[in-house]
mmCIF file of all heavy atoms, coordinates in Angstrom:
data_MODEL
# 
_entry.id   MODEL 
# 
loop_
_atom_site.group_PDB 
_atom_site.id 
_atom_site.type_symbol 
_atom_site.label_atom_id 
_atom_site.label_alt_id 
_atom_site.label_comp_id 
_atom_site.label_asym_id 
_atom_site.label_entity_id 
_atom_site.label_seq_id 
_atom_site.pdbx_PDB_ins_code 
_atom_site.Cartn_x 
_atom_site.Cartn_y 
_atom_site.Cartn_z 
_atom_site.occupancy 
_atom_site.B_iso_or_equiv 
_atom_site.pdbx_formal_charge 
_atom_site.auth_seq_id 
_atom_site.auth_comp_id 
_atom_site.auth_asym_id 
_atom_site.auth_atom_id 
_atom_site.pdbx_PDB_model_num 
ATOM 1   N N   . ARG A 1 1  ? -1.712  -1.285 9.869   1.00 0.00 ? 1  ARG A N   1 
ATOM 2   C CA  . ARG A 1 1  ? -3.133  -1.168 10.142  1.00 0.00 ? 1  ARG A CA  1 
ATOM 3   C C   . ARG A 1 1  ? -3.581  0.288  10.115  1.00 0.00 ? 1  ARG A C   1 
ATOM 4   O O   . ARG A 1 1  ? -4.689  0.601  9.669   1.00 0.00 ? 1  ARG A O   1 
ATOM 5   C CB  . ARG A 1 1  ? -3.437  -1.808 11.501  1.00 0.00 ? 1  ARG A CB  1 
ATOM 6   C CG  . ARG A 1 1  ? -4.872  -1.707 11.966  1.00 0.00 ? 1  ARG A CG  1 
ATOM 7   C CD  . ARG A 1 1  ? -5.036  -2.400 13.308  1.00 0.00 ? 1  ARG A CD  1 
ATOM 8   N NE  . ARG A 1 1  ? -4.021  -1.965 14.258  1.00 0.00 ? 1  ARG A NE  1 
ATOM 9   C CZ  . ARG A 1 1  ? -3.866  -2.487 15.469  1.00 0.00 ? 1  ARG A CZ  1 
ATOM 10  N NH1 . ARG A 1 1  ? -4.662  -3.472 15.885  1.00 0.00 ? 1  ARG A NH1 1 
ATOM 11  N NH2 . ARG A 1 1  ? -2.906  -2.030 16.267  1.00 0.00 ? 1  ARG A NH2 1 
ATOM 12  N N   . GLY A 1 2  ? -2.713  1.176  10.566  1.00 0.00 ? 2  GLY A N   1 
ATOM 13  C CA  . GLY A 1 2  ? -3.031  2.590  10.607  1.00 0.00 ? 2  GLY A CA  1 
ATOM 14  C C   . GLY A 1 2  ? -2.794  3.348  9.319   1.00 0.00 ? 2  GLY A C   1 
ATOM 15  O O   . GLY A 1 2  ? -3.100  4.543  9.257   1.00 0.00 ? 2  GLY A O   1 
ATOM 16  N N   . GLY A 1 3  ? -2.232  2.696  8.295   1.00 0.00 ? 3  GLY A N   1 
ATOM 17  C CA  . GLY A 1 3  ? -2.073  3.331  7.004   1.00 0.00 ? 3  GLY A CA  1 
ATOM 18  C C   . GLY A 1 3  ? -0.678  3.825  6.677   1.00 0.00 ? 3  GLY A C   1 
ATOM 19  O O   . GLY A 1 3  ? -0.486  4.454  5.624   1.00 0.00 ? 3  GLY A O   1 
ATOM 20  N N   . THR A 1 4  ? 0.300   3.570  7.515   1.00 0.00 ? 4  THR A N   1 
ATOM 21  C CA  . THR A 1 4  ? 1.675   3.938  7.209   1.00 0.00 ? 4  THR A CA  1 
ATOM 22  C C   . THR A 1 4  ? 2.271   2.938  6.233   1.00 0.00 ? 4  THR A C   1 
ATOM 23  O O   . THR A 1 4  ? 2.193   1.731  6.451   1.00 0.00 ? 4  THR A O   1 
ATOM 24  C CB  . THR A 1 4  ? 2.525   3.993  8.480   1.00 0.00 ? 4  THR A CB  1 
ATOM 25  O OG1 . THR A 1 4  ? 1.968   4.953  9.390   1.00 0.00 ? 4  THR A OG1 1 
ATOM 26  C CG2 . THR A 1 4  ? 3.956   4.391  8.159   1.00 0.00 ? 4  THR A CG2 1 
ATOM 27  N N   . SER A 1 5  ? 2.883   3.424  5.158   1.00 0.00 ? 5  SER A N   1 
ATOM 28  C CA  . SER A 1 5  ? 3.401   2.551  4.116   1.00 0.00 ? 5  SER A CA  1 
ATOM 29  C C   . SER A 1 5  ? 4.909   2.675  3.964   1.00 0.00 ? 5  SER A C   1 
ATOM 30  O O   . SER A 1 5  ? 5.514   3.691  4.324   1.00 0.00 ? 5  SER A O   1 
ATOM 31  C CB  . SER A 1 5  ? 2.719   2.850  2.777   1.00 0.00 ? 5  SER A CB  1 
ATOM 32  O OG  . SER A 1 5  ? 2.925   4.199  2.393   1.00 0.00 ? 5  SER A OG  1 
ATOM 33  N N   . ASN A 1 6  ? 5.503   1.632  3.403   1.00 0.00 ? 6  ASN A N   1 
ATOM 34  C CA  . ASN A 1 6  ? 6.927   1.593  3.120   1.00 0.00 ? 6  ASN A CA  1 
ATOM 35  C C   . ASN A 1 6  ? 7.123   0.864  1.798   1.00 0.00 ? 6  ASN A C   1 
ATOM 36  O O   . ASN A 1 6  ? 6.432   -0.118 1.523   1.00 0.00 ? 6  ASN A O   1 
ATOM 37  C CB  . ASN A 1 6  ? 7.685   0.884  4.240   1.00 0.00 ? 6  ASN A CB  1 
ATOM 38  C CG  . ASN A 1 6  ? 9.189   0.953  4.060   1.00 0.00 ? 6  ASN A CG  1 
ATOM 39  O OD1 . ASN A 1 6  ? 9.730   2.008  3.758   1.00 0.00 ? 6  ASN A OD1 1 
ATOM 40  N ND2 . ASN A 1 6  ? 9.867   -0.172 4.249   1.00 0.00 ? 6  ASN A ND2 1 
ATOM 41  N N   . TYR A 1 7  ? 8.068   1.350  0.981   1.00 0.00 ? 7  TYR A N   1 
ATOM 42  C CA  . TYR A 1 7  ? 8.283   0.806  -0.353  1.00 0.00 ? 7  TYR A CA  1 
ATOM 43  C C   . TYR A 1 7  ? 9.738   0.440  -0.574  1.00 0.00 ? 7  TYR A C   1 
ATOM 44  O O   . TYR A 1 7  ? 10.646  1.075  -0.033  1.00 0.00 ? 7  TYR A O   1 
ATOM 45  C CB  . TYR A 1 7  ? 7.879   1.816  -1.428  1.00 0.00 ? 7  TYR A CB  1 
ATOM 46  C CG  . TYR A 1 7  ? 6.429   2.218  -1.415  1.00 0.00 ? 7  TYR A CG  1 
ATOM 47  C CD1 . TYR A 1 7  ? 6.004   3.299  -0.647  1.00 0.00 ? 7  TYR A CD1 1 
ATOM 48  C CD2 . TYR A 1 7  ? 5.488   1.529  -2.170  1.00 0.00 ? 7  TYR A CD2 1 
ATOM 49  C CE1 . TYR A 1 7  ? 4.675   3.674  -0.634  1.00 0.00 ? 7  TYR A CE1 1 
ATOM 50  C CE2 . TYR A 1 7  ? 4.160   1.900  -2.167  1.00 0.00 ? 7  TYR A CE2 1 
ATOM 51  C CZ  . TYR A 1 7  ? 3.757   2.977  -1.390  1.00 0.00 ? 7  TYR A CZ  1 
ATOM 52  O OH  . TYR A 1 7  ? 2.431   3.350  -1.383  1.00 0.00 ? 7  TYR A OH  1 
ATOM 53  N N   . ALA A 1 8  ? 9.944   -0.564 -1.416  1.00 0.00 ? 8  ALA A N   1 
ATOM 54  C CA  . ALA A 1 8  ? 11.280  -0.834 -1.913  1.00 0.00 ? 8  ALA A CA  1 
ATOM 55  C C   . ALA A 1 8  ? 11.728  0.326  -2.788  1.00 0.00 ? 8  ALA A C   1 
ATOM 56  O O   . ALA A 1 8  ? 10.917  0.948  -3.483  1.00 0.00 ? 8  ALA A O   1 
ATOM 57  C CB  . ALA A 1 8  ? 11.302  -2.135 -2.709  1.00 0.00 ? 8  ALA A CB  1 
ATOM 58  N N   . ASP A 1 9  ? 13.018  0.622  -2.759  1.00 0.00 ? 9  ASP A N   1 
ATOM 59  C CA  . ASP A 1 9  ? 13.530  1.744  -3.543  1.00 0.00 ? 9  ASP A CA  1 
ATOM 60  C C   . ASP A 1 9  ? 13.216  1.600  -5.026  1.00 0.00 ? 9  ASP A C   1 
ATOM 61  O O   . ASP A 1 9  ? 12.989  2.597  -5.720  1.00 0.00 ? 9  ASP A O   1 
ATOM 62  C CB  . ASP A 1 9  ? 15.040  1.876  -3.356  1.00 0.00 ? 9  ASP A CB  1 
ATOM 63  C CG  . ASP A 1 9  ? 15.421  2.384  -1.979  1.00 0.00 ? 9  ASP A CG  1 
ATOM 64  O OD1 . ASP A 1 9  ? 14.559  2.978  -1.295  1.00 0.00 ? 9  ASP A OD1 1 
ATOM 65  O OD2 . ASP A 1 9  ? 16.584  2.195  -1.586  1.00 0.00 ? 9  ASP A OD2 1 
ATOM 66  N N   . SER A 1 10 ? 13.181  0.383  -5.523  1.00 0.00 ? 10 SER A N   1 
ATOM 67  C CA  . SER A 1 10 ? 12.995  0.143  -6.944  1.00 0.00 ? 10 SER A CA  1 
ATOM 68  C C   . SER A 1 10 ? 11.594  0.494  -7.439  1.00 0.00 ? 10 SER A C   1 
ATOM 69  O O   . SER A 1 10 ? 11.389  0.629  -8.649  1.00 0.00 ? 10 SER A O   1 
ATOM 70  C CB  . SER A 1 10 ? 13.302  -1.315 -7.287  1.00 0.00 ? 10 SER A CB  1 
ATOM 71  O OG  . SER A 1 10 ? 12.467  -2.189 -6.554  1.00 0.00 ? 10 SER A OG  1 
ATOM 72  N N   . VAL A 1 11 ? 10.629  0.644  -6.533  1.00 0.00 ? 11 VAL A N   1 
ATOM 73  C CA  . VAL A 1 11 ? 9.259   0.915  -6.950  1.00 0.00 ? 11 VAL A CA  1 
ATOM 74  C C   . VAL A 1 11 ? 8.735   2.247  -6.448  1.00 0.00 ? 11 VAL A C   1 
ATOM 75  O O   . VAL A 1 11 ? 7.605   2.627  -6.789  1.00 0.00 ? 11 VAL A O   1 
ATOM 76  C CB  . VAL A 1 11 ? 8.294   -0.206 -6.515  1.00 0.00 ? 11 VAL A CB  1 
ATOM 77  C CG1 . VAL A 1 11 ? 8.799   -1.560 -7.000  1.00 0.00 ? 11 VAL A CG1 1 
ATOM 78  C CG2 . VAL A 1 11 ? 8.107   -0.211 -4.999  1.00 0.00 ? 11 VAL A CG2 1 
ATOM 79  N N   . LYS A 1 12 ? 9.511   2.970  -5.662  1.00 0.00 ? 12 LYS A N   1 
ATOM 80  C CA  . LYS A 1 12 ? 9.066   4.253  -5.142  1.00 0.00 ? 12 LYS A CA  1 
ATOM 81  C C   . LYS A 1 12 ? 8.731   5.208  -6.281  1.00 0.00 ? 12 LYS A C   1 
ATOM 82  O O   . LYS A 1 12 ? 9.481   5.333  -7.243  1.00 0.00 ? 12 LYS A O   1 
ATOM 83  C CB  . LYS A 1 12 ? 10.138  4.866  -4.241  1.00 0.00 ? 12 LYS A CB  1 
ATOM 84  C CG  . LYS A 1 12 ? 10.262  4.204  -2.891  1.00 0.00 ? 12 LYS A CG  1 
ATOM 85  C CD  . LYS A 1 12 ? 11.318  4.891  -2.031  1.00 0.00 ? 12 LYS A CD  1 
ATOM 86  C CE  . LYS A 1 12 ? 11.405  4.242  -0.663  1.00 0.00 ? 12 LYS A CE  1 
ATOM 87  N NZ  . LYS A 1 12 ? 12.470  4.863  0.167   1.00 0.00 ? 12 LYS A NZ  1 
ATOM 88  N N   . GLY A 1 13 ? 7.607   5.870  -6.154  1.00 0.00 ? 13 GLY A N   1 
ATOM 89  C CA  . GLY A 1 13 ? 7.157   6.793  -7.176  1.00 0.00 ? 13 GLY A CA  1 
ATOM 90  C C   . GLY A 1 13 ? 6.351   6.160  -8.280  1.00 0.00 ? 13 GLY A C   1 
ATOM 91  O O   . GLY A 1 13 ? 5.746   6.877  -9.081  1.00 0.00 ? 13 GLY A O   1 
ATOM 92  N N   . ARG A 1 14 ? 6.332   4.830  -8.332  1.00 0.00 ? 14 ARG A N   1 
ATOM 93  C CA  . ARG A 1 14 ? 5.590   4.121  -9.373  1.00 0.00 ? 14 ARG A CA  1 
ATOM 94  C C   . ARG A 1 14 ? 4.458   3.270  -8.817  1.00 0.00 ? 14 ARG A C   1 
ATOM 95  O O   . ARG A 1 14 ? 3.422   3.135  -9.457  1.00 0.00 ? 14 ARG A O   1 
ATOM 96  C CB  . ARG A 1 14 ? 6.530   3.237  -10.194 1.00 0.00 ? 14 ARG A CB  1 
ATOM 97  C CG  . ARG A 1 14 ? 7.640   4.005  -10.902 1.00 0.00 ? 14 ARG A CG  1 
ATOM 98  C CD  . ARG A 1 14 ? 8.422   3.103  -11.852 1.00 0.00 ? 14 ARG A CD  1 
ATOM 99  N NE  . ARG A 1 14 ? 9.093   2.018  -11.144 1.00 0.00 ? 14 ARG A NE  1 
ATOM 100 C CZ  . ARG A 1 14 ? 8.869   0.721  -11.362 1.00 0.00 ? 14 ARG A CZ  1 
ATOM 101 N NH1 . ARG A 1 14 ? 7.990   0.351  -12.286 1.00 0.00 ? 14 ARG A NH1 1 
ATOM 102 N NH2 . ARG A 1 14 ? 9.537   -0.199 -10.679 1.00 0.00 ? 14 ARG A NH2 1 
ATOM 103 N N   . PHE A 1 15 ? 4.663   2.688  -7.641  1.00 0.00 ? 15 PHE A N   1 
ATOM 104 C CA  . PHE A 1 15 ? 3.676   1.805  -7.030  1.00 0.00 ? 15 PHE A CA  1 
ATOM 105 C C   . PHE A 1 15 ? 3.043   2.491  -5.833  1.00 0.00 ? 15 PHE A C   1 
ATOM 106 O O   . PHE A 1 15 ? 3.697   3.272  -5.128  1.00 0.00 ? 15 PHE A O   1 
ATOM 107 C CB  . PHE A 1 15 ? 4.315   0.502  -6.557  1.00 0.00 ? 15 PHE A CB  1 
ATOM 108 C CG  . PHE A 1 15 ? 4.793   -0.411 -7.647  1.00 0.00 ? 15 PHE A CG  1 
ATOM 109 C CD1 . PHE A 1 15 ? 4.831   -0.013 -8.978  1.00 0.00 ? 15 PHE A CD1 1 
ATOM 110 C CD2 . PHE A 1 15 ? 5.212   -1.697 -7.331  1.00 0.00 ? 15 PHE A CD2 1 
ATOM 111 C CE1 . PHE A 1 15 ? 5.280   -0.862 -9.979  1.00 0.00 ? 15 PHE A CE1 1 
ATOM 112 C CE2 . PHE A 1 15 ? 5.662   -2.558 -8.319  1.00 0.00 ? 15 PHE A CE2 1 
ATOM 113 C CZ  . PHE A 1 15 ? 5.696   -2.141 -9.638  1.00 0.00 ? 15 PHE A CZ  1 
ATOM 114 N N   . THR A 1 16 ? 1.790   2.173  -5.573  1.00 0.00 ? 16 THR A N   1 
ATOM 115 C CA  . THR A 1 16 ? 1.075   2.689  -4.414  1.00 0.00 ? 16 THR A CA  1 
ATOM 116 C C   . THR A 1 16 ? 0.321   1.555  -3.736  1.00 0.00 ? 16 THR A C   1 
ATOM 117 O O   . THR A 1 16 ? -0.458  0.857  -4.381  1.00 0.00 ? 16 THR A O   1 
ATOM 118 C CB  . THR A 1 16 ? 0.092   3.801  -4.802  1.00 0.00 ? 16 THR A CB  1 
ATOM 119 O OG1 . THR A 1 16 ? 0.785   4.867  -5.458  1.00 0.00 ? 16 THR A OG1 1 
ATOM 120 C CG2 . THR A 1 16 ? -0.593  4.357  -3.554  1.00 0.00 ? 16 THR A CG2 1 
ATOM 121 N N   . ILE A 1 17 ? 0.563   1.382  -2.444  1.00 0.00 ? 17 ILE A N   1 
ATOM 122 C CA  . ILE A 1 17 ? -0.151  0.373  -1.677  1.00 0.00 ? 17 ILE A CA  1 
ATOM 123 C C   . ILE A 1 17 ? -1.252  1.054  -0.872  1.00 0.00 ? 17 ILE A C   1 
ATOM 124 O O   . ILE A 1 17 ? -1.089  2.172  -0.385  1.00 0.00 ? 17 ILE A O   1 
ATOM 125 C CB  . ILE A 1 17 ? 0.808   -0.418 -0.757  1.00 0.00 ? 17 ILE A CB  1 
ATOM 126 C CG1 . ILE A 1 17 ? 0.094   -1.618 -0.130  1.00 0.00 ? 17 ILE A CG1 1 
ATOM 127 C CG2 . ILE A 1 17 ? 1.423   0.481  0.304   1.00 0.00 ? 17 ILE A CG2 1 
ATOM 128 C CD1 . ILE A 1 17 ? 1.034   -2.562 0.614   1.00 0.00 ? 17 ILE A CD1 1 
ATOM 129 N N   . SER A 1 18 ? -2.373  0.382  -0.743  1.00 0.00 ? 18 SER A N   1 
ATOM 130 C CA  . SER A 1 18 ? -3.487  0.892  0.044   1.00 0.00 ? 18 SER A CA  1 
ATOM 131 C C   . SER A 1 18 ? -4.251  -0.287 0.629   1.00 0.00 ? 18 SER A C   1 
ATOM 132 O O   . SER A 1 18 ? -4.048  -1.440 0.234   1.00 0.00 ? 18 SER A O   1 
ATOM 133 C CB  . SER A 1 18 ? -4.408  1.774  -0.804  1.00 0.00 ? 18 SER A CB  1 
ATOM 134 O OG  . SER A 1 18 ? -4.971  1.040  -1.883  1.00 0.00 ? 18 SER A OG  1 
ATOM 135 N N   . ARG A 1 19 ? -5.127  -0.001 1.575   1.00 0.00 ? 19 ARG A N   1 
ATOM 136 C CA  . ARG A 1 19 ? -5.918  -1.074 2.172   1.00 0.00 ? 19 ARG A CA  1 
ATOM 137 C C   . ARG A 1 19 ? -7.280  -0.553 2.583   1.00 0.00 ? 19 ARG A C   1 
ATOM 138 O O   . ARG A 1 19 ? -7.457  0.637  2.854   1.00 0.00 ? 19 ARG A O   1 
ATOM 139 C CB  . ARG A 1 19 ? -5.196  -1.698 3.378   1.00 0.00 ? 19 ARG A CB  1 
ATOM 140 C CG  . ARG A 1 19 ? -4.998  -0.762 4.558   1.00 0.00 ? 19 ARG A CG  1 
ATOM 141 C CD  . ARG A 1 19 ? -4.093  -1.385 5.618   1.00 0.00 ? 19 ARG A CD  1 
ATOM 142 N NE  . ARG A 1 19 ? -4.740  -2.478 6.334   1.00 0.00 ? 19 ARG A NE  1 
ATOM 143 C CZ  . ARG A 1 19 ? -4.121  -3.278 7.206   1.00 0.00 ? 19 ARG A CZ  1 
ATOM 144 N NH1 . ARG A 1 19 ? -2.815  -3.119 7.435   1.00 0.00 ? 19 ARG A NH1 1 
ATOM 145 N NH2 . ARG A 1 19 ? -4.795  -4.240 7.824   1.00 0.00 ? 19 ARG A NH2 1 
ATOM 146 N N   . ASP A 1 20 ? -8.221  -1.463 2.631   1.00 0.00 ? 20 ASP A N   1 
ATOM 147 C CA  . ASP A 1 20 ? -9.569  -1.182 3.090   1.00 0.00 ? 20 ASP A CA  1 
ATOM 148 C C   . ASP A 1 20 ? -9.841  -2.130 4.241   1.00 0.00 ? 20 ASP A C   1 
ATOM 149 O O   . ASP A 1 20 ? -10.093 -3.321 4.031   1.00 0.00 ? 20 ASP A O   1 
ATOM 150 C CB  . ASP A 1 20 ? -10.579 -1.375 1.958   1.00 0.00 ? 20 ASP A CB  1 
ATOM 151 C CG  . ASP A 1 20 ? -11.988 -0.970 2.358   1.00 0.00 ? 20 ASP A CG  1 
ATOM 152 O OD1 . ASP A 1 20 ? -12.274 -0.876 3.573   1.00 0.00 ? 20 ASP A OD1 1 
ATOM 153 O OD2 . ASP A 1 20 ? -12.809 -0.740 1.456   1.00 0.00 ? 20 ASP A OD2 1 
ATOM 154 N N   . ASN A 1 21 ? -9.760  -1.625 5.452   1.00 0.00 ? 21 ASN A N   1 
ATOM 155 C CA  . ASN A 1 21 ? -9.903  -2.478 6.627   1.00 0.00 ? 21 ASN A CA  1 
ATOM 156 C C   . ASN A 1 21 ? -11.310 -3.043 6.783   1.00 0.00 ? 21 ASN A C   1 
ATOM 157 O O   . ASN A 1 21 ? -11.491 -4.089 7.411   1.00 0.00 ? 21 ASN A O   1 
ATOM 158 C CB  . ASN A 1 21 ? -9.506  -1.706 7.887   1.00 0.00 ? 21 ASN A CB  1 
ATOM 159 C CG  . ASN A 1 21 ? -8.022  -1.420 7.951   1.00 0.00 ? 21 ASN A CG  1 
ATOM 160 O OD1 . ASN A 1 21 ? -7.214  -2.140 7.352   1.00 0.00 ? 21 ASN A OD1 1 
ATOM 161 N ND2 . ASN A 1 21 ? -7.642  -0.378 8.683   1.00 0.00 ? 21 ASN A ND2 1 
ATOM 162 N N   . THR A 1 22 ? -12.308 -2.366 6.234   1.00 0.00 ? 22 THR A N   1 
ATOM 163 C CA  . THR A 1 22 ? -13.666 -2.883 6.310   1.00 0.00 ? 22 THR A CA  1 
ATOM 164 C C   . THR A 1 22 ? -13.851 -4.108 5.433   1.00 0.00 ? 22 THR A C   1 
ATOM 165 O O   . THR A 1 22 ? -14.767 -4.896 5.661   1.00 0.00 ? 22 THR A O   1 
ATOM 166 C CB  . THR A 1 22 ? -14.695 -1.817 5.917   1.00 0.00 ? 22 THR A CB  1 
ATOM 167 O OG1 . THR A 1 22 ? -14.563 -1.491 4.533   1.00 0.00 ? 22 THR A OG1 1 
ATOM 168 C CG2 . THR A 1 22 ? -14.498 -0.560 6.748   1.00 0.00 ? 22 THR A CG2 1 
ATOM 169 N N   . LYS A 1 23 ? -12.983 -4.271 4.425   1.00 0.00 ? 23 LYS A N   1 
ATOM 170 C CA  . LYS A 1 23 ? -13.052 -5.409 3.514   1.00 0.00 ? 23 LYS A CA  1 
ATOM 171 C C   . LYS A 1 23 ? -11.899 -6.386 3.693   1.00 0.00 ? 23 LYS A C   1 
ATOM 172 O O   . LYS A 1 23 ? -11.825 -7.379 2.966   1.00 0.00 ? 23 LYS A O   1 
ATOM 173 C CB  . LYS A 1 23 ? -13.072 -4.930 2.061   1.00 0.00 ? 23 LYS A CB  1 
ATOM 174 C CG  . LYS A 1 23 ? -14.258 -4.050 1.708   1.00 0.00 ? 23 LYS A CG  1 
ATOM 175 C CD  . LYS A 1 23 ? -14.192 -3.605 0.252   1.00 0.00 ? 23 LYS A CD  1 
ATOM 176 C CE  . LYS A 1 23 ? -15.383 -2.744 -0.118  1.00 0.00 ? 23 LYS A CE  1 
ATOM 177 N NZ  . LYS A 1 23 ? -15.322 -2.297 -1.533  1.00 0.00 ? 23 LYS A NZ  1 
ATOM 178 N N   . ASN A 1 24 ? -11.003 -6.111 4.633   1.00 0.00 ? 24 ASN A N   1 
ATOM 179 C CA  . ASN A 1 24 ? -9.809  -6.936 4.837   1.00 0.00 ? 24 ASN A CA  1 
ATOM 180 C C   . ASN A 1 24 ? -9.057  -7.139 3.526   1.00 0.00 ? 24 ASN A C   1 
ATOM 181 O O   . ASN A 1 24 ? -8.626  -8.250 3.197   1.00 0.00 ? 24 ASN A O   1 
ATOM 182 C CB  . ASN A 1 24 ? -10.171 -8.290 5.456   1.00 0.00 ? 24 ASN A CB  1 
ATOM 183 C CG  . ASN A 1 24 ? -10.614 -8.169 6.902   1.00 0.00 ? 24 ASN A CG  1 
ATOM 184 O OD1 . ASN A 1 24 ? -10.174 -7.283 7.632   1.00 0.00 ? 24 ASN A OD1 1 
ATOM 185 N ND2 . ASN A 1 24 ? -11.488 -9.064 7.333   1.00 0.00 ? 24 ASN A ND2 1 
ATOM 186 N N   . THR A 1 25 ? -8.890  -6.062 2.793   1.00 0.00 ? 25 THR A N   1 
ATOM 187 C CA  . THR A 1 25 ? -8.308  -6.125 1.462   1.00 0.00 ? 25 THR A CA  1 
ATOM 188 C C   . THR A 1 25 ? -7.161  -5.130 1.330   1.00 0.00 ? 25 THR A C   1 
ATOM 189 O O   . THR A 1 25 ? -7.252  -3.999 1.815   1.00 0.00 ? 25 THR A O   1 
ATOM 190 C CB  . THR A 1 25 ? -9.369  -5.841 0.389   1.00 0.00 ? 25 THR A CB  1 
ATOM 191 O OG1 . THR A 1 25 ? -10.406 -6.827 0.476   1.00 0.00 ? 25 THR A OG1 1 
ATOM 192 C CG2 . THR A 1 25 ? -8.762  -5.892 -1.002  1.00 0.00 ? 25 THR A CG2 1 
ATOM 193 N N   . VAL A 1 26 ? -6.097  -5.560 0.662   1.00 0.00 ? 26 VAL A N   1 
ATOM 194 C CA  . VAL A 1 26 ? -4.965  -4.705 0.364   1.00 0.00 ? 26 VAL A CA  1 
ATOM 195 C C   . VAL A 1 26 ? -4.805  -4.643 -1.152  1.00 0.00 ? 26 VAL A C   1 
ATOM 196 O O   . VAL A 1 26 ? -5.063  -5.624 -1.858  1.00 0.00 ? 26 VAL A O   1 
ATOM 197 C CB  . VAL A 1 26 ? -3.671  -5.202 1.041   1.00 0.00 ? 26 VAL A CB  1 
ATOM 198 C CG1 . VAL A 1 26 ? -3.272  -6.585 0.530   1.00 0.00 ? 26 VAL A CG1 1 
ATOM 199 C CG2 . VAL A 1 26 ? -2.541  -4.202 0.852   1.00 0.00 ? 26 VAL A CG2 1 
ATOM 200 N N   . TYR A 1 27 ? -4.378  -3.482 -1.651  1.00 0.00 ? 27 TYR A N   1 
ATOM 201 C CA  . TYR A 1 27 ? -4.241  -3.253 -3.074  1.00 0.00 ? 27 TYR A CA  1 
ATOM 202 C C   . TYR A 1 27 ? -2.820  -2.799 -3.391  1.00 0.00 ? 27 TYR A C   1 
ATOM 203 O O   . TYR A 1 27 ? -2.129  -2.227 -2.553  1.00 0.00 ? 27 TYR A O   1 
ATOM 204 C CB  . TYR A 1 27 ? -5.214  -2.175 -3.563  1.00 0.00 ? 27 TYR A CB  1 
ATOM 205 C CG  . TYR A 1 27 ? -6.655  -2.412 -3.183  1.00 0.00 ? 27 TYR A CG  1 
ATOM 206 C CD1 . TYR A 1 27 ? -7.174  -1.880 -2.012  1.00 0.00 ? 27 TYR A CD1 1 
ATOM 207 C CD2 . TYR A 1 27 ? -7.489  -3.164 -4.003  1.00 0.00 ? 27 TYR A CD2 1 
ATOM 208 C CE1 . TYR A 1 27 ? -8.496  -2.088 -1.658  1.00 0.00 ? 27 TYR A CE1 1 
ATOM 209 C CE2 . TYR A 1 27 ? -8.811  -3.379 -3.659  1.00 0.00 ? 27 TYR A CE2 1 
ATOM 210 C CZ  . TYR A 1 27 ? -9.312  -2.838 -2.484  1.00 0.00 ? 27 TYR A CZ  1 
ATOM 211 O OH  . TYR A 1 27 ? -10.624 -3.051 -2.142  1.00 0.00 ? 27 TYR A OH  1 
ATOM 212 N N   . LEU A 1 28 ? -2.416  -3.033 -4.610  1.00 0.00 ? 28 LEU A N   1 
ATOM 213 C CA  . LEU A 1 28 ? -1.154  -2.507 -5.110  1.00 0.00 ? 28 LEU A CA  1 
ATOM 214 C C   . LEU A 1 28 ? -1.384  -1.957 -6.509  1.00 0.00 ? 28 LEU A C   1 
ATOM 215 O O   . LEU A 1 28 ? -1.606  -2.723 -7.450  1.00 0.00 ? 28 LEU A O   1 
ATOM 216 C CB  . LEU A 1 28 ? -0.063  -3.584 -5.143  1.00 0.00 ? 28 LEU A CB  1 
ATOM 217 C CG  . LEU A 1 28 ? 1.331   -3.092 -5.532  1.00 0.00 ? 28 LEU A CG  1 
ATOM 218 C CD1 . LEU A 1 28 ? 1.894   -2.165 -4.444  1.00 0.00 ? 28 LEU A CD1 1 
ATOM 219 C CD2 . LEU A 1 28 ? 2.278   -4.257 -5.774  1.00 0.00 ? 28 LEU A CD2 1 
ATOM 220 N N   . GLN A 1 29 ? -1.352  -0.634 -6.627  1.00 0.00 ? 29 GLN A N   1 
ATOM 221 C CA  . GLN A 1 29 ? -1.455  0.017  -7.920  1.00 0.00 ? 29 GLN A CA  1 
ATOM 222 C C   . GLN A 1 29 ? -0.056  0.146  -8.496  1.00 0.00 ? 29 GLN A C   1 
ATOM 223 O O   . GLN A 1 29 ? 0.806   0.778  -7.883  1.00 0.00 ? 29 GLN A O   1 
ATOM 224 C CB  . GLN A 1 29 ? -2.102  1.393  -7.781  1.00 0.00 ? 29 GLN A CB  1 
ATOM 225 C CG  . GLN A 1 29 ? -2.222  2.165  -9.090  1.00 0.00 ? 29 GLN A CG  1 
ATOM 226 C CD  . GLN A 1 29 ? -3.173  1.527  -10.068 1.00 0.00 ? 29 GLN A CD  1 
ATOM 227 O OE1 . GLN A 1 29 ? -4.274  1.135  -9.693  1.00 0.00 ? 29 GLN A OE1 1 
ATOM 228 N NE2 . GLN A 1 29 ? -2.752  1.400  -11.320 1.00 0.00 ? 29 GLN A NE2 1 
# 
């Protein structure tokens, strides 16, 4: 909820997770 993220080793450096709490939405670039 506070914005701390964790990634699988296989996607680190390539994928980015983010969220917009005002929209209850999570994204994966």
